[in-house]
Amino acid sequence: MIVGQSSVMQKLRADIASVGATDFTVLVEGESGVGKELVAYGIHHASPRRRGPFVAVNCAALVETLLEAELFGIEERTATGVRGRRGKFELAEGGTLFLDEVADLSVGAQAKLLRVLQDMSVERVGGESVRAVNTRVIAATNRRLSEQMRARQFREDLYYRISGVELEVPPLRARREDIPLLTEHLLNRHRHGREIGVSAAALDALMAFDWPGNVRQLERVLERAIALGPGATVEVSDLPIAVTRGYRDLLEELPRGTETLRAWSSRYVRVVLDRCEGNKRRACDQLDISYHTLRAYLAFAQGASRGDAQTS
């Protein structure tokens, strides 16, 4: 289930529906932990192949010597004690084969994969016949394949074979407004019969963090809070220091002395705008304010800065 109502996630869902209606090979790119397999399954579920199997393969875990047997299959009695079996391409017949972390395949493995993708047929290890396969392929990677290709670490012909349709899954820090919804979803998934929520302060801390491990990291953090937290509500104290450090730093900048709430709010707006890389629309979405209100805060901050400069 793809969770999120941000504009980037709404576009991604629309793209998944459009791509799903086709039978093209798809390349899904995004950082580790963003949910590339969920996107691949979404494409499969939106396709005419939805009643067929969805077979996922972690290419990074494939041992070079066993790669052909895993992907293409092996004939009976090819070696002593070896039982014949179908490979992943055959197991995904009529459905979708998801090749995760395809950039981790060796150059030799890439050549073997290219040959199969060109003809959509496999030859089992130890076999003498070629078997046609009716399988859709979706590949994924946490690296930029175009850069890998230019660095001669990924075959150019394979890159152009799998990159006709590309989908980019945004990192969690680019859609912070989805964190409350994701948090609720993950808490419901892992509460184990407990009624459990999250405090406003803890949610603020989660939204202030950059999440280099993305949704996967958020899920692990919430699992820890559920397992070790004593109450029915996740508090800031239940979260790892590494996650709350930025939020605690922000708290130290709370209004002091004669600073008004409006002055501090204007300063906070500038912090959020900076985190949004100057994108005012994203900042408005994250702050849940109108564009007019954002401009008013920025004008106030600019006027305050000029006043400080004249005073000094």
Protein backbone atom coordinates (compact mmCIF):
# COMPACT_ATOMS: atom_id res chain seq x y z
CA MET A 1 0.00 0.00 0.00
CA ILE A 2 1.44 3.34 -1.08
CA VAL A 3 0.68 5.89 1.65
CA GLY A 4 0.79 9.64 1.10
CA GLN A 5 -1.33 12.56 -0.10
CA SER A 6 1.46 14.97 -1.05
CA SER A 7 1.49 16.29 -4.61
CA VAL A 8 4.52 14.17 -5.54
CA MET A 9 2.84 10.99 -4.30
CA GLN A 10 -0.42 11.81 -6.06
CA LYS A 11 1.55 12.18 -9.30
CA LEU A 12 3.39 8.93 -8.63
CA ARG A 13 0.11 7.07 -8.14
CA ALA A 14 -1.21 8.54 -11.40
CA ASP A 15 1.97 7.45 -13.20
CA ILE A 16 1.66 3.93 -11.73
CA ALA A 17 -1.88 3.65 -13.08
CA SER A 18 -0.81 4.88 -16.54
CA VAL A 19 2.24 2.62 -16.74
CA GLY A 20 0.30 -0.33 -15.37
CA ALA A 21 -2.06 -0.23 -18.35
CA THR A 22 0.88 -0.96 -20.67
CA ASP A 23 3.15 -3.99 -20.88
CA PHE A 24 6.42 -2.07 -21.14
CA THR A 25 9.57 -2.78 -19.16
CA VAL A 26 9.86 -0.23 -16.33
CA LEU A 27 12.83 1.16 -14.40
CA VAL A 28 12.06 2.37 -10.86
CA GLU A 29 14.73 4.57 -9.28
CA GLY A 30 14.93 5.92 -5.75
CA GLU A 31 16.98 5.90 -2.57
CA SER A 32 17.13 2.85 -0.35
CA GLY A 33 14.01 2.46 1.76
CA VAL A 34 11.62 4.63 -0.29
CA GLY A 35 9.37 1.71 -1.29
CA LYS A 36 10.44 0.74 -4.81
CA GLU A 37 9.00 -2.76 -4.45
CA LEU A 38 5.63 -1.27 -3.43
CA VAL A 39 5.70 0.81 -6.61
CA ALA A 40 6.56 -2.27 -8.68
CA TYR A 41 3.70 -4.22 -7.09
CA GLY A 42 1.39 -1.26 -7.70
CA ILE A 43 2.26 -1.38 -11.41
CA HIS A 44 1.63 -5.14 -11.44
CA HIS A 45 -1.70 -4.73 -9.62
CA ALA A 46 -2.78 -2.01 -12.09
CA SER A 47 -1.92 -4.17 -15.10
CA PRO A 48 -3.81 -6.88 -17.03
CA ARG A 49 -1.30 -9.29 -15.45
CA ARG A 50 -2.66 -8.68 -11.94
CA ARG A 51 -4.00 -12.26 -11.70
CA GLY A 52 -0.55 -13.63 -12.55
CA PRO A 53 2.36 -14.06 -10.12
CA PHE A 54 4.52 -11.22 -8.84
CA VAL A 55 8.04 -12.59 -8.32
CA ALA A 56 10.66 -10.40 -6.61
CA VAL A 57 14.39 -11.02 -6.91
CA ASN A 58 17.11 -9.19 -4.97
CA CYS A 59 19.91 -9.02 -7.55
CA ALA A 60 22.40 -7.92 -4.89
CA ALA A 61 21.93 -11.28 -3.15
CA LEU A 62 22.49 -13.42 -6.24
CA VAL A 63 25.76 -15.32 -6.21
CA GLU A 64 27.44 -15.05 -9.61
CA THR A 65 27.89 -18.82 -9.97
CA LEU A 66 24.21 -19.49 -9.22
CA LEU A 67 22.69 -16.56 -11.09
CA GLU A 68 21.76 -18.46 -14.24
CA ALA A 69 20.13 -21.27 -12.28
CA GLU A 70 18.18 -18.79 -10.14
CA LEU A 71 16.92 -16.67 -13.01
CA PHE A 72 16.71 -19.17 -15.88
CA GLY A 73 16.33 -22.53 -14.13
CA ILE A 74 18.30 -25.78 -14.18
CA GLU A 75 17.63 -29.17 -15.76
CA GLU A 76 17.29 -32.38 -13.77
CA ARG A 77 20.57 -34.20 -13.04
CA THR A 78 22.73 -31.44 -14.50
CA ALA A 79 25.11 -32.37 -11.68
CA THR A 80 25.08 -35.04 -9.00
CA GLY A 81 22.30 -34.44 -6.50
CA VAL A 82 20.89 -31.45 -8.41
CA ARG A 83 17.13 -31.37 -8.86
CA GLY A 84 15.64 -29.63 -11.85
CA ARG A 85 13.66 -26.47 -11.22
CA ARG A 86 12.22 -23.49 -12.98
CA GLY A 87 13.97 -20.15 -12.77
CA LYS A 88 12.42 -16.85 -11.73
CA PHE A 89 11.54 -15.92 -15.31
CA GLU A 90 9.44 -19.07 -15.68
CA LEU A 91 7.95 -18.72 -12.19
CA ALA A 92 6.71 -15.26 -13.20
CA GLU A 93 5.01 -16.61 -16.34
CA GLY A 94 1.92 -14.55 -17.12
CA GLY A 95 2.85 -12.07 -14.40
CA THR A 96 5.64 -9.71 -13.39
CA LEU A 97 9.30 -10.27 -12.51
CA PHE A 98 10.71 -7.57 -10.23
CA LEU A 99 14.51 -7.29 -10.42
CA ASP A 100 15.52 -5.21 -7.40
CA GLU A 101 18.97 -3.57 -7.17
CA VAL A 102 19.70 -4.41 -10.80
CA ALA A 103 22.77 -2.14 -10.71
CA ASP A 104 24.50 -4.68 -8.45
CA LEU A 105 24.65 -7.31 -11.21
CA SER A 106 28.12 -7.99 -12.55
CA VAL A 107 28.91 -7.05 -16.15
CA GLY A 108 28.76 -10.73 -17.09
CA ALA A 109 25.36 -11.15 -15.46
CA GLN A 110 24.13 -8.03 -17.23
CA ALA A 111 25.04 -9.59 -20.59
CA LYS A 112 23.06 -12.75 -19.76
CA LEU A 113 20.06 -10.70 -18.64
CA LEU A 114 20.18 -8.61 -21.82
CA ARG A 115 20.07 -11.72 -23.99
CA VAL A 116 16.92 -12.94 -22.25
CA LEU A 117 15.20 -9.55 -22.37
CA GLN A 118 15.86 -9.22 -26.10
CA ASP A 119 14.31 -12.58 -27.00
CA MET A 120 12.09 -13.17 -23.93
CA SER A 121 13.26 -16.75 -23.88
CA VAL A 122 15.41 -18.71 -21.43
CA GLU A 123 17.65 -21.73 -21.62
CA ARG A 124 17.94 -23.67 -18.39
CA VAL A 125 21.39 -24.55 -17.10
CA GLY A 126 22.26 -27.96 -18.56
CA GLY A 127 19.42 -27.76 -21.04
CA GLU A 128 19.42 -27.87 -24.82
CA SER A 129 16.09 -26.23 -25.60
CA VAL A 130 14.98 -22.62 -25.44
CA ARG A 131 11.75 -21.79 -23.63
CA ALA A 132 9.73 -18.68 -24.47
CA VAL A 133 8.52 -16.73 -21.45
CA ASN A 134 5.58 -14.35 -21.16
CA THR A 135 6.85 -12.18 -18.33
CA ARG A 136 6.84 -8.45 -17.72
CA VAL A 137 10.05 -7.10 -16.19
CA ILE A 138 10.30 -4.22 -13.73
CA ALA A 139 13.81 -3.28 -12.62
CA ALA A 140 14.77 -1.08 -9.69
CA THR A 141 17.92 0.51 -8.31
CA ASN A 142 18.99 2.97 -5.62
CA ARG A 143 21.67 4.33 -7.96
CA ARG A 144 21.44 6.55 -11.02
CA LEU A 145 21.81 4.03 -13.83
CA SER A 146 22.61 6.79 -16.32
CA GLU A 147 25.63 7.72 -14.19
CA GLN A 148 26.59 4.05 -13.77
CA MET A 149 26.47 3.66 -17.54
CA ARG A 150 28.67 6.71 -18.15
CA ALA A 151 31.15 5.32 -15.59
CA ARG A 152 31.16 2.02 -17.57
CA GLN A 153 29.77 0.17 -14.56
CA PHE A 154 26.52 -0.70 -16.31
CA ARG A 155 26.11 -1.90 -19.86
CA GLU A 156 24.84 0.77 -22.22
CA ASP A 157 22.73 -1.66 -24.27
CA LEU A 158 21.05 -3.06 -21.14
CA TYR A 159 20.42 0.43 -19.80
CA TYR A 160 18.56 1.45 -22.94
CA ARG A 161 16.69 -1.86 -22.90
CA ILE A 162 15.21 -1.33 -19.43
CA SER A 163 14.99 2.47 -19.18
CA GLY A 164 12.29 3.28 -21.71
CA VAL A 165 9.78 4.02 -18.94
CA GLU A 166 11.27 5.44 -15.74
CA LEU A 167 9.59 6.25 -12.43
CA GLU A 168 11.32 8.17 -9.64
CA VAL A 169 10.22 7.47 -6.06
CA PRO A 170 10.80 10.61 -3.93
CA PRO A 171 12.73 10.43 -0.65
CA LEU A 172 10.77 10.97 2.55
CA ARG A 173 12.45 14.34 3.22
CA ALA A 174 10.90 15.61 -0.04
CA ARG A 175 7.39 14.81 1.21
CA ARG A 176 7.45 15.55 4.93
CA GLU A 177 3.74 16.36 4.87
CA ASP A 178 3.12 12.62 4.42
CA ILE A 179 4.88 11.70 7.70
CA PRO A 180 1.75 12.05 9.93
CA LEU A 181 -0.25 9.74 7.64
CA LEU A 182 2.66 7.28 7.33
CA THR A 183 3.14 7.29 11.11
CA GLU A 184 -0.53 6.48 11.71
CA HIS A 185 -0.42 3.73 9.10
CA LEU A 186 2.73 2.14 10.55
CA LEU A 187 1.50 2.36 14.15
CA ASN A 188 -1.71 0.61 13.15
CA ARG A 189 0.29 -2.10 11.40
CA HIS A 190 2.58 -2.83 14.36
CA ARG A 191 0.49 -2.08 17.44
CA HIS A 192 -0.12 -5.81 18.17
CA GLY A 193 -3.54 -5.28 19.67
CA ARG A 194 -2.57 -2.16 21.61
CA GLU A 195 -4.24 1.20 21.16
CA ILE A 196 -1.28 3.44 20.49
CA GLY A 197 -0.91 6.98 19.21
CA VAL A 198 1.77 9.62 18.87
CA SER A 199 2.08 12.92 20.73
CA ALA A 200 2.14 16.21 18.84
CA ALA A 201 5.70 16.86 20.04
CA ALA A 202 6.90 13.42 18.89
CA LEU A 203 5.24 13.97 15.51
CA ASP A 204 7.00 17.34 15.21
CA ALA A 205 10.30 15.58 15.96
CA LEU A 206 9.62 12.96 13.28
CA MET A 207 8.84 15.68 10.74
CA ALA A 208 12.00 17.63 11.60
CA PHE A 209 14.28 14.66 10.82
CA ASP A 210 15.75 14.13 7.32
CA TRP A 211 15.31 10.30 7.21
CA PRO A 212 18.31 9.11 5.19
CA GLY A 213 16.83 5.60 5.42
CA ASN A 214 13.42 6.89 4.28
CA VAL A 215 10.19 5.01 5.06
CA ARG A 216 12.06 1.85 6.05
CA GLN A 217 13.95 3.80 8.73
CA LEU A 218 10.75 5.48 9.97
CA GLU A 219 9.15 2.05 10.35
CA ARG A 220 12.09 0.69 12.36
CA VAL A 221 12.05 3.77 14.63
CA LEU A 222 8.34 3.33 15.33
CA GLU A 223 8.79 -0.40 15.97
CA ARG A 224 11.41 0.50 18.58
CA ALA A 225 9.11 3.07 20.17
CA ILE A 226 6.25 0.54 20.37
CA ALA A 227 8.48 -2.19 21.81
CA LEU A 228 10.23 -0.04 24.43
CA GLY A 229 7.70 2.73 25.11
CA PRO A 230 5.81 2.26 28.38
CA GLY A 231 2.60 4.08 27.48
CA ALA A 232 -0.15 4.19 24.89
CA THR A 233 1.38 7.27 23.26
CA VAL A 234 4.74 7.59 21.54
CA GLU A 235 6.57 10.53 23.14
CA VAL A 236 9.75 12.36 22.13
CA SER A 237 11.58 10.44 24.87
CA ASP A 238 10.65 7.15 23.14
CA LEU A 239 12.51 8.16 19.96
CA PRO A 240 16.27 7.70 19.37
CA ILE A 241 18.48 10.71 20.13
CA ALA A 242 19.77 10.58 16.54
CA VAL A 243 16.22 11.26 15.32
CA THR A 244 15.26 13.95 17.85
CA ARG A 245 18.52 15.93 17.85
CA GLY A 246 17.35 18.37 15.16
CA TYR A 247 14.03 18.87 16.91
CA ARG A 248 15.75 19.52 20.23
CA ASP A 249 18.02 22.05 18.52
CA LEU A 250 14.92 23.78 17.18
CA LEU A 251 13.41 23.91 20.67
CA GLU A 252 16.53 25.69 21.92
CA GLU A 253 15.71 28.46 19.45
CA LEU A 254 12.26 29.07 20.91
CA PRO A 255 11.31 32.69 21.66
CA ARG A 256 13.51 34.20 24.34
CA GLY A 257 13.47 37.50 26.11
CA THR A 258 11.35 40.05 24.28
CA GLU A 259 11.00 38.12 21.01
CA THR A 260 7.35 37.95 19.98
CA LEU A 261 5.56 34.86 18.74
CA ARG A 262 5.16 36.51 15.33
CA ALA A 263 8.91 37.13 15.13
CA TRP A 264 9.72 33.53 16.04
CA SER A 265 7.05 32.22 13.63
CA SER A 266 8.59 34.27 10.83
CA ARG A 267 11.99 32.80 11.64
CA TYR A 268 10.51 29.29 11.62
CA VAL A 269 8.88 29.94 8.23
CA ARG A 270 12.29 30.82 6.83
CA VAL A 271 13.73 27.57 8.23
CA VAL A 272 11.00 25.52 6.54
CA LEU A 273 11.40 27.43 3.28
CA ASP A 274 15.12 26.71 3.35
CA ARG A 275 14.43 22.99 3.92
CA CYS A 276 12.10 23.09 0.92
CA GLU A 277 14.98 24.50 -1.15
CA GLY A 278 13.13 27.78 -1.70
CA ASN A 279 10.02 26.09 -3.12
CA LYS A 280 7.23 28.26 -1.67
CA ARG A 281 4.42 25.92 -2.67
CA ARG A 282 6.01 23.00 -0.83
CA ALA A 283 6.68 25.24 2.17
CA CYS A 284 3.01 26.30 2.25
CA ASP A 285 1.93 22.63 2.09
CA GLN A 286 4.27 21.67 4.92
CA LEU A 287 3.27 24.64 7.09
CA ASP A 288 -0.42 24.28 6.17
CA ILE A 289 -0.71 28.00 5.40
CA SER A 290 -1.76 30.00 2.36
CA TYR A 291 0.69 31.63 -0.03
CA HIS A 292 -0.57 35.03 1.17
CA THR A 293 0.26 34.11 4.79
CA LEU A 294 3.70 32.88 3.77
CA ARG A 295 4.45 36.19 2.03
CA ALA A 296 3.29 38.10 5.12
CA TYR A 297 5.68 36.15 7.37
CA LEU A 298 8.57 36.63 4.95
CA ALA A 299 7.83 40.37 4.65
CA PHE A 300 7.78 40.66 8.43
CA ALA A 301 11.11 38.83 8.69
CA GLN A 302 12.65 41.04 6.00
CA GLY A 303 11.41 44.18 7.74
CA ALA A 304 12.76 42.97 11.09
CA SER A 305 16.14 42.30 9.50
CA ARG A 306 16.30 45.83 8.05
CA GLY A 307 15.37 47.25 11.46
CA ASP A 308 18.15 45.28 13.15
CA ALA A 309 20.63 46.49 10.55
CA GLN A 310 19.66 50.14 11.05
CA THR A 311 19.89 49.76 14.85
CA SER A 312 23.37 48.34 14.63
